[in-house]
Full PDB file with SEQRES, HELIX, SHEET, SSBOND, CRYST1, ORIGX, SCALE, CONECT and MASTER records, all heavy atoms in Angstrom:
SEQRES   1 A   30  MET ASP LEU PHE ASP LYS ARG VAL PHE GLN GLU VAL LYS          
SEQRES   2 A   30  ARG SER GLY ARG ALA SER GLY TRP ILE ILE LYS ASN ASN          
SEQRES   3 A   30  GLY GLU ILE VAL                                              
HELIX    1 AA1 ASP A    2  ASP A    5  1                                   4    
SHEET    1 AA1 2 PHE A   9  VAL A  12  0                                        
SHEET    2 AA1 2 GLY A  20  ILE A  23 -1                                        
CRYST1    1.000    1.000    1.000  90.00  90.00  90.00 P 1           1          
ORIGX1      1.000000  0.000000  0.000000        0.00000                         
ORIGX2      0.000000  1.000000  0.000000        0.00000                         
ORIGX3      0.000000  0.000000  1.000000        0.00000                         
SCALE1      1.000000  0.000000  0.000000        0.00000                         
SCALE2      0.000000  1.000000  0.000000        0.00000                         
SCALE3      0.000000  0.000000  1.000000        0.00000                         
ATOM      1  N   MET A   1      49.239 -80.200   3.108  1.00  0.00           N  
ATOM      2  CA  MET A   1      48.899 -79.985   1.698  1.00  0.00           C  
ATOM      3  C   MET A   1      47.975 -81.099   1.179  1.00  0.00           C  
ATOM      4  O   MET A   1      47.032 -80.850   0.440  1.00  0.00           O  
ATOM      5  CB  MET A   1      50.160 -79.923   0.820  1.00  0.00           C  
ATOM      6  CG  MET A   1      51.053 -78.716   1.077  1.00  0.00           C  
ATOM      7  SD  MET A   1      50.199 -77.146   0.821  1.00  0.00           S  
ATOM      8  CE  MET A   1      50.027 -76.574   2.491  1.00  0.00           C  
ATOM      9  N   ASP A   2      48.249 -82.339   1.602  1.00  0.00           N  
ATOM     10  CA  ASP A   2      47.376 -83.450   1.207  1.00  0.00           C  
ATOM     11  C   ASP A   2      45.976 -83.274   1.789  1.00  0.00           C  
ATOM     12  O   ASP A   2      44.977 -83.535   1.108  1.00  0.00           O  
ATOM     13  CB  ASP A   2      47.960 -84.790   1.667  1.00  0.00           C  
ATOM     14  CG  ASP A   2      49.190 -85.200   0.877  1.00  0.00           C  
ATOM     15  OD1 ASP A   2      49.410 -84.652  -0.227  1.00  0.00           O  
ATOM     16  OD2 ASP A   2      49.940 -86.071   1.369  1.00  0.00           O  
ATOM     17  N   LEU A   3      45.885 -82.817   3.033  1.00  0.00           N  
ATOM     18  CA  LEU A   3      44.574 -82.572   3.646  1.00  0.00           C  
ATOM     19  C   LEU A   3      43.844 -81.433   2.930  1.00  0.00           C  
ATOM     20  O   LEU A   3      42.630 -81.509   2.708  1.00  0.00           O  
ATOM     21  CB  LEU A   3      44.736 -82.259   5.134  1.00  0.00           C  
ATOM     22  CG  LEU A   3      45.099 -83.453   6.014  1.00  0.00           C  
ATOM     23  CD1 LEU A   3      45.625 -82.987   7.359  1.00  0.00           C  
ATOM     24  CD2 LEU A   3      43.908 -84.368   6.195  1.00  0.00           C  
ATOM     25  N   PHE A   4      44.577 -80.381   2.571  1.00  0.00           N  
ATOM     26  CA  PHE A   4      43.972 -79.277   1.820  1.00  0.00           C  
ATOM     27  C   PHE A   4      43.432 -79.768   0.480  1.00  0.00           C  
ATOM     28  O   PHE A   4      42.394 -79.314   0.015  1.00  0.00           O  
ATOM     29  CB  PHE A   4      44.979 -78.155   1.582  1.00  0.00           C  
ATOM     30  CG  PHE A   4      45.206 -77.259   2.771  1.00  0.00           C  
ATOM     31  CD1 PHE A   4      46.204 -76.314   2.741  1.00  0.00           C  
ATOM     32  CD2 PHE A   4      44.433 -77.346   3.916  1.00  0.00           C  
ATOM     33  CE1 PHE A   4      46.423 -75.462   3.813  1.00  0.00           C  
ATOM     34  CE2 PHE A   4      44.639 -76.516   5.002  1.00  0.00           C  
ATOM     35  CZ  PHE A   4      45.641 -75.572   4.947  1.00  0.00           C  
ATOM     36  N   ASP A   5      44.145 -80.684  -0.136  1.00  0.00           N  
ATOM     37  CA  ASP A   5      43.705 -81.220  -1.432  1.00  0.00           C  
ATOM     38  C   ASP A   5      42.417 -82.026  -1.307  1.00  0.00           C  
ATOM     39  O   ASP A   5      41.696 -82.205  -2.282  1.00  0.00           O  
ATOM     40  CB  ASP A   5      44.816 -82.092  -2.032  1.00  0.00           C  
ATOM     41  CG  ASP A   5      44.509 -82.508  -3.455  1.00  0.00           C  
ATOM     42  OD1 ASP A   5      44.065 -81.646  -4.244  1.00  0.00           O  
ATOM     43  OD2 ASP A   5      44.702 -83.697  -3.775  1.00  0.00           O  
ATOM     44  N   LYS A   6      42.099 -82.492  -0.119  1.00  0.00           N  
ATOM     45  CA  LYS A   6      40.907 -83.302   0.098  1.00  0.00           C  
ATOM     46  C   LYS A   6      39.664 -82.448   0.397  1.00  0.00           C  
ATOM     47  O   LYS A   6      38.567 -82.972   0.519  1.00  0.00           O  
ATOM     48  CB  LYS A   6      41.146 -84.286   1.246  1.00  0.00           C  
ATOM     49  CG  LYS A   6      42.178 -85.346   0.893  1.00  0.00           C  
ATOM     50  CD  LYS A   6      42.436 -86.237   2.078  1.00  0.00           C  
ATOM     51  CE  LYS A   6      43.286 -87.401   1.671  1.00  0.00           C  
ATOM     52  NZ  LYS A   6      42.608 -88.335   0.782  1.00  0.00           N  
ATOM     53  N   ARG A   7      39.853 -81.140   0.532  1.00  0.00           N  
ATOM     54  CA  ARG A   7      38.713 -80.269   0.816  1.00  0.00           C  
ATOM     55  C   ARG A   7      37.771 -80.204  -0.376  1.00  0.00           C  
ATOM     56  O   ARG A   7      38.199 -80.198  -1.525  1.00  0.00           O  
ATOM     57  CB  ARG A   7      39.173 -78.848   1.142  1.00  0.00           C  
ATOM     58  CG  ARG A   7      40.011 -78.745   2.385  1.00  0.00           C  
ATOM     59  CD  ARG A   7      40.493 -77.342   2.622  1.00  0.00           C  
ATOM     60  NE  ARG A   7      41.369 -76.903   1.530  1.00  0.00           N  
ATOM     61  CZ  ARG A   7      42.020 -75.751   1.504  1.00  0.00           C  
ATOM     62  NH1 ARG A   7      41.896 -74.892   2.493  1.00  0.00           N  
ATOM     63  NH2 ARG A   7      42.800 -75.438   0.496  1.00  0.00           N  
ATOM     64  N   VAL A   8      36.480 -80.125  -0.070  1.00  0.00           N  
ATOM     65  CA  VAL A   8      35.457 -79.905  -1.086  1.00  0.00           C  
ATOM     66  C   VAL A   8      34.760 -78.605  -0.697  1.00  0.00           C  
ATOM     67  O   VAL A   8      34.210 -78.496   0.401  1.00  0.00           O  
ATOM     68  CB  VAL A   8      34.437 -81.068  -1.139  1.00  0.00           C  
ATOM     69  CG1 VAL A   8      33.331 -80.757  -2.118  1.00  0.00           C  
ATOM     70  CG2 VAL A   8      35.140 -82.374  -1.496  1.00  0.00           C  
ATOM     71  N   PHE A   9      34.805 -77.618  -1.599  1.00  0.00           N  
ATOM     72  CA  PHE A   9      34.227 -76.311  -1.312  1.00  0.00           C  
ATOM     73  C   PHE A   9      32.811 -76.200  -1.855  1.00  0.00           C  
ATOM     74  O   PHE A   9      32.475 -76.794  -2.873  1.00  0.00           O  
ATOM     75  CB  PHE A   9      35.083 -75.203  -1.943  1.00  0.00           C  
ATOM     76  CG  PHE A   9      36.393 -74.996  -1.237  1.00  0.00           C  
ATOM     77  CD1 PHE A   9      37.553 -75.577  -1.716  1.00  0.00           C  
ATOM     78  CD2 PHE A   9      36.456 -74.223  -0.096  1.00  0.00           C  
ATOM     79  CE1 PHE A   9      38.762 -75.390  -1.070  1.00  0.00           C  
ATOM     80  CE2 PHE A   9      37.655 -74.029   0.567  1.00  0.00           C  
ATOM     81  CZ  PHE A   9      38.808 -74.612   0.078  1.00  0.00           C  
ATOM     82  N   GLN A  10      32.008 -75.408  -1.139  1.00  0.00           N  
ATOM     83  CA  GLN A  10      30.654 -75.123  -1.582  1.00  0.00           C  
ATOM     84  C   GLN A  10      30.429 -73.621  -1.480  1.00  0.00           C  
ATOM     85  O   GLN A  10      30.757 -73.001  -0.457  1.00  0.00           O  
ATOM     86  CB  GLN A  10      29.632 -75.869  -0.729  1.00  0.00           C  
ATOM     87  CG  GLN A  10      28.211 -75.625  -1.168  1.00  0.00           C  
ATOM     88  CD  GLN A  10      27.234 -76.492  -0.396  1.00  0.00           C  
ATOM     89  OE1 GLN A  10      27.593 -77.184   0.542  1.00  0.00           O  
ATOM     90  NE2 GLN A  10      25.984 -76.441  -0.798  1.00  0.00           N  
ATOM     91  N   GLU A  11      29.882 -73.061  -2.540  1.00  0.00           N  
ATOM     92  CA  GLU A  11      29.599 -71.628  -2.537  1.00  0.00           C  
ATOM     93  C   GLU A  11      28.347 -71.363  -1.703  1.00  0.00           C  
ATOM     94  O   GLU A  11      27.353 -72.086  -1.804  1.00  0.00           O  
ATOM     95  CB  GLU A  11      29.390 -71.116  -3.965  1.00  0.00           C  
ATOM     96  CG  GLU A  11      29.292 -69.617  -4.046  1.00  0.00           C  
ATOM     97  CD  GLU A  11      29.283 -69.101  -5.472  1.00  0.00           C  
ATOM     98  OE1 GLU A  11      29.135 -69.901  -6.407  1.00  0.00           O  
ATOM     99  OE2 GLU A  11      29.429 -67.884  -5.636  1.00  0.00           O  
ATOM    100  N   VAL A  12      28.433 -70.328  -0.865  1.00  0.00           N  
ATOM    101  CA  VAL A  12      27.313 -69.961  -0.002  1.00  0.00           C  
ATOM    102  C   VAL A  12      26.847 -68.576  -0.418  1.00  0.00           C  
ATOM    103  O   VAL A  12      27.626 -67.625  -0.410  1.00  0.00           O  
ATOM    104  CB  VAL A  12      27.742 -69.955   1.483  1.00  0.00           C  
ATOM    105  CG1 VAL A  12      26.591 -69.544   2.378  1.00  0.00           C  
ATOM    106  CG2 VAL A  12      28.278 -71.307   1.890  1.00  0.00           C  
ATOM    107  N   LYS A  13      25.583 -68.482  -0.791  1.00  0.00           N  
ATOM    108  CA  LYS A  13      25.007 -67.193  -1.184  1.00  0.00           C  
ATOM    109  C   LYS A  13      24.478 -66.502   0.066  1.00  0.00           C  
ATOM    110  O   LYS A  13      23.804 -67.095   0.881  1.00  0.00           O  
ATOM    111  CB  LYS A  13      23.876 -67.409  -2.178  1.00  0.00           C  
ATOM    112  CG  LYS A  13      24.289 -68.222  -3.382  1.00  0.00           C  
ATOM    113  CD  LYS A  13      24.038 -67.467  -4.632  1.00  0.00           C  
ATOM    114  CE  LYS A  13      24.299 -68.392  -5.811  1.00  0.00           C  
ATOM    115  NZ  LYS A  13      25.328 -68.006  -6.661  1.00  0.00           N  
ATOM    116  N   ARG A  14      24.833 -65.229   0.190  1.00  0.00           N  
ATOM    117  CA  ARG A  14      24.404 -64.441   1.354  1.00  0.00           C  
ATOM    118  C   ARG A  14      23.596 -63.264   0.862  1.00  0.00           C  
ATOM    119  O   ARG A  14      24.033 -62.544  -0.027  1.00  0.00           O  
ATOM    120  CB  ARG A  14      25.616 -63.954   2.134  1.00  0.00           C  
ATOM    121  CG  ARG A  14      26.459 -65.090   2.648  1.00  0.00           C  
ATOM    122  CD  ARG A  14      27.695 -64.554   3.323  1.00  0.00           C  
ATOM    123  NE  ARG A  14      28.524 -65.651   3.777  1.00  0.00           N  
ATOM    124  CZ  ARG A  14      29.831 -65.606   3.863  1.00  0.00           C  
ATOM    125  NH1 ARG A  14      30.485 -64.524   3.528  1.00  0.00           N  
ATOM    126  NH2 ARG A  14      30.496 -66.646   4.294  1.00  0.00           N  
ATOM    127  N   SER A  15      22.461 -63.043   1.454  1.00  0.00           N  
ATOM    128  CA  SER A  15      21.606 -61.940   1.009  1.00  0.00           C  
ATOM    129  C   SER A  15      22.246 -60.600   1.351  1.00  0.00           C  
ATOM    130  O   SER A  15      22.697 -60.380   2.475  1.00  0.00           O  
ATOM    131  CB  SER A  15      20.224 -62.039   1.654  1.00  0.00           C  
ATOM    132  OG  SER A  15      20.334 -61.973   3.041  1.00  0.00           O  
ATOM    133  N   GLY A  16      22.337 -59.745   0.371  1.00  0.00           N  
ATOM    134  CA  GLY A  16      22.876 -58.409   0.574  1.00  0.00           C  
ATOM    135  C   GLY A  16      24.394 -58.339   0.642  1.00  0.00           C  
ATOM    136  O   GLY A  16      24.950 -57.261   0.767  1.00  0.00           O  
ATOM    137  N   ARG A  17      25.065 -59.466   0.599  1.00  0.00           N  
ATOM    138  CA  ARG A  17      26.529 -59.470   0.654  1.00  0.00           C  
ATOM    139  C   ARG A  17      27.059 -60.379  -0.445  1.00  0.00           C  
ATOM    140  O   ARG A  17      26.332 -61.157  -1.046  1.00  0.00           O  
ATOM    141  CB  ARG A  17      27.027 -60.001   2.007  1.00  0.00           C  
ATOM    142  CG  ARG A  17      26.699 -59.094   3.168  1.00  0.00           C  
ATOM    143  CD  ARG A  17      27.408 -59.512   4.420  1.00  0.00           C  
ATOM    144  NE  ARG A  17      26.861 -60.771   4.924  1.00  0.00           N  
ATOM    145  CZ  ARG A  17      27.373 -61.461   5.908  1.00  0.00           C  
ATOM    146  NH1 ARG A  17      28.464 -61.034   6.503  1.00  0.00           N  
ATOM    147  NH2 ARG A  17      26.831 -62.578   6.318  1.00  0.00           N  
ATOM    148  N   ALA A  18      28.356 -60.266  -0.645  1.00  0.00           N  
ATOM    149  CA  ALA A  18      29.000 -61.134  -1.639  1.00  0.00           C  
ATOM    150  C   ALA A  18      28.943 -62.584  -1.154  1.00  0.00           C  
ATOM    151  O   ALA A  18      28.959 -62.857   0.041  1.00  0.00           O  
ATOM    152  CB  ALA A  18      30.450 -60.702  -1.851  1.00  0.00           C  
ATOM    153  N   SER A  19      28.864 -63.483  -2.109  1.00  0.00           N  
ATOM    154  CA  SER A  19      28.841 -64.898  -1.730  1.00  0.00           C  
ATOM    155  C   SER A  19      30.215 -65.309  -1.216  1.00  0.00           C  
ATOM    156  O   SER A  19      31.223 -64.660  -1.464  1.00  0.00           O  
ATOM    157  CB  SER A  19      28.430 -65.766  -2.919  1.00  0.00           C  
ATOM    158  OG  SER A  19      29.360 -65.638  -3.960  1.00  0.00           O  
ATOM    159  N   GLY A  20      30.248 -66.401  -0.479  1.00  0.00           N  
ATOM    160  CA  GLY A  20      31.495 -66.903   0.069  1.00  0.00           C  
ATOM    161  C   GLY A  20      31.595 -68.400  -0.152  1.00  0.00           C  
ATOM    162  O   GLY A  20      30.737 -69.008  -0.803  1.00  0.00           O  
ATOM    163  N   TRP A  21      32.624 -68.982   0.397  1.00  0.00           N  
ATOM    164  CA  TRP A  21      32.864 -70.409   0.230  1.00  0.00           C  
ATOM    165  C   TRP A  21      33.054 -71.060   1.592  1.00  0.00           C  
ATOM    166  O   TRP A  21      33.651 -70.467   2.490  1.00  0.00           O  
ATOM    167  CB  TRP A  21      34.106 -70.650  -0.627  1.00  0.00           C  
ATOM    168  CG  TRP A  21      33.932 -70.190  -2.035  1.00  0.00           C  
ATOM    169  CD1 TRP A  21      34.145 -68.933  -2.527  1.00  0.00           C  
ATOM    170  CD2 TRP A  21      33.485 -70.972  -3.131  1.00  0.00           C  
ATOM    171  NE1 TRP A  21      33.869 -68.886  -3.866  1.00  0.00           N  
ATOM    172  CE2 TRP A  21      33.462 -70.138  -4.270  1.00  0.00           C  
ATOM    173  CE3 TRP A  21      33.103 -72.298  -3.282  1.00  0.00           C  
ATOM    174  CZ2 TRP A  21      33.063 -70.589  -5.518  1.00  0.00           C  
ATOM    175  CZ3 TRP A  21      32.717 -72.747  -4.536  1.00  0.00           C  
ATOM    176  CH2 TRP A  21      32.695 -71.892  -5.642  1.00  0.00           C  
ATOM    177  N   ILE A  22      32.559 -72.275   1.734  1.00  0.00           N  
ATOM    178  CA  ILE A  22      32.778 -73.065   2.938  1.00  0.00           C  
ATOM    179  C   ILE A  22      33.357 -74.423   2.531  1.00  0.00           C  
ATOM    180  O   ILE A  22      33.205 -74.851   1.387  1.00  0.00           O  
ATOM    181  CB  ILE A  22      31.490 -73.279   3.765  1.00  0.00           C  
ATOM    182  CG1 ILE A  22      30.445 -74.055   2.944  1.00  0.00           C  
ATOM    183  CG2 ILE A  22      30.944 -71.975   4.288  1.00  0.00           C  
ATOM    184  CD1 ILE A  22      29.290 -74.587   3.758  1.00  0.00           C  
ATOM    185  N   ILE A  23      34.021 -75.069   3.484  1.00  0.00           N  
ATOM    186  CA  ILE A  23      34.512 -76.427   3.240  1.00  0.00           C  
ATOM    187  C   ILE A  23      33.360 -77.364   3.575  1.00  0.00           C  
ATOM    188  O   ILE A  23      32.994 -77.523   4.740  1.00  0.00           O  
ATOM    189  CB  ILE A  23      35.747 -76.746   4.097  1.00  0.00           C  
ATOM    190  CG1 ILE A  23      36.856 -75.721   3.847  1.00  0.00           C  
ATOM    191  CG2 ILE A  23      36.241 -78.162   3.817  1.00  0.00           C  
ATOM    192  CD1 ILE A  23      38.020 -75.843   4.820  1.00  0.00           C  
ATOM    193  N   LYS A  24      32.768 -77.944   2.553  1.00  0.00           N  
ATOM    194  CA  LYS A  24      31.584 -78.783   2.736  1.00  0.00           C  
ATOM    195  C   LYS A  24      31.897 -80.049   3.528  1.00  0.00           C  
ATOM    196  O   LYS A  24      31.084 -80.520   4.303  1.00  0.00           O  
ATOM    197  CB  LYS A  24      30.993 -79.156   1.378  1.00  0.00           C  
ATOM    198  CG  LYS A  24      29.714 -79.938   1.492  1.00  0.00           C  
ATOM    199  CD  LYS A  24      29.115 -80.269   0.163  1.00  0.00           C  
ATOM    200  CE  LYS A  24      27.833 -81.053   0.393  1.00  0.00           C  
ATOM    201  NZ  LYS A  24      27.267 -81.514  -0.827  1.00  0.00           N  
ATOM    202  N   ASN A  25      33.081 -80.612   3.346  1.00  0.00           N  
ATOM    203  CA  ASN A  25      33.402 -81.885   3.999  1.00  0.00           C  
ATOM    204  C   ASN A  25      34.282 -81.715   5.245  1.00  0.00           C  
ATOM    205  O   ASN A  25      34.885 -82.682   5.700  1.00  0.00           O  
ATOM    206  CB  ASN A  25      34.070 -82.841   3.010  1.00  0.00           C  
ATOM    207  CG  ASN A  25      35.402 -82.343   2.491  1.00  0.00           C  
ATOM    208  OD1 ASN A  25      35.682 -81.145   2.486  1.00  0.00           O  
ATOM    209  ND2 ASN A  25      36.239 -83.267   2.045  1.00  0.00           N  
ATOM    210  N   ASN A  26      34.337 -80.503   5.799  1.00  0.00           N  
ATOM    211  CA  ASN A  26      35.153 -80.301   7.001  1.00  0.00           C  
ATOM    212  C   ASN A  26      34.579 -81.130   8.144  1.00  0.00           C  
ATOM    213  O   ASN A  26      33.386 -81.121   8.386  1.00  0.00           O  
ATOM    214  CB  ASN A  26      35.215 -78.830   7.391  1.00  0.00           C  
ATOM    215  CG  ASN A  26      36.490 -78.496   8.126  1.00  0.00           C  
ATOM    216  OD1 ASN A  26      37.397 -79.316   8.234  1.00  0.00           O  
ATOM    217  ND2 ASN A  26      36.565 -77.278   8.636  1.00  0.00           N  
ATOM    218  N   GLY A  27      35.437 -81.864   8.815  1.00  0.00           N  
ATOM    219  CA  GLY A  27      35.012 -82.781   9.859  1.00  0.00           C  
ATOM    220  C   GLY A  27      34.815 -84.190   9.340  1.00  0.00           C  
ATOM    221  O   GLY A  27      34.701 -85.134  10.104  1.00  0.00           O  
ATOM    222  N   GLU A  28      34.781 -84.333   8.019  1.00  0.00           N  
ATOM    223  CA  GLU A  28      34.600 -85.639   7.387  1.00  0.00           C  
ATOM    224  C   GLU A  28      35.775 -85.982   6.465  1.00  0.00           C  
ATOM    225  O   GLU A  28      35.683 -86.893   5.650  1.00  0.00           O  
ATOM    226  CB  GLU A  28      33.306 -85.655   6.578  1.00  0.00           C  
ATOM    227  CG  GLU A  28      32.073 -85.406   7.414  1.00  0.00           C  
ATOM    228  CD  GLU A  28      30.832 -85.183   6.577  1.00  0.00           C  
ATOM    229  OE1 GLU A  28      30.904 -85.257   5.342  1.00  0.00           O  
ATOM    230  OE2 GLU A  28      29.773 -84.919   7.177  1.00  0.00           O  
ATOM    231  N   ILE A  29      36.873 -85.243   6.595  1.00  0.00           N  
ATOM    232  CA  ILE A  29      38.042 -85.476   5.742  1.00  0.00           C  
ATOM    233  C   ILE A  29      38.750 -86.732   6.231  1.00  0.00           C  
ATOM    234  O   ILE A  29      39.078 -86.858   7.401  1.00  0.00           O  
ATOM    235  CB  ILE A  29      38.991 -84.259   5.756  1.00  0.00           C  
ATOM    236  CG1 ILE A  29      38.266 -83.027   5.189  1.00  0.00           C  
ATOM    237  CG2 ILE A  29      40.265 -84.557   4.983  1.00  0.00           C  
ATOM    238  CD1 ILE A  29      39.021 -81.726   5.337  1.00  0.00           C  
ATOM    239  N   VAL A  30      38.968 -87.660   5.312  1.00  0.00           N  
ATOM    240  CA  VAL A  30      39.595 -88.944   5.639  1.00  0.00           C  
ATOM    241  C   VAL A  30      40.960 -88.995   4.969  1.00  0.00           C  
ATOM    242  O   VAL A  30      41.088 -88.738   3.774  1.00  0.00           O  
ATOM    243  CB  VAL A  30      38.721 -90.115   5.140  1.00  0.00           C  
ATOM    244  CG1 VAL A  30      39.418 -91.449   5.353  1.00  0.00           C  
ATOM    245  CG2 VAL A  30      37.369 -90.094   5.822  1.00  0.00           C  
TER     246      VAL A  30                                                      
MASTER        0    0    0    1    2    0    0    6  245    1    0    3          
END                                                                             
């Protein structure tokens, strides 16, 4: 839960489809 709280999300726009979200800091979570 603490690691989940450290996630930073970024919205990703996709052409022709609904936008989605990615974890921008995945791999860099301290």
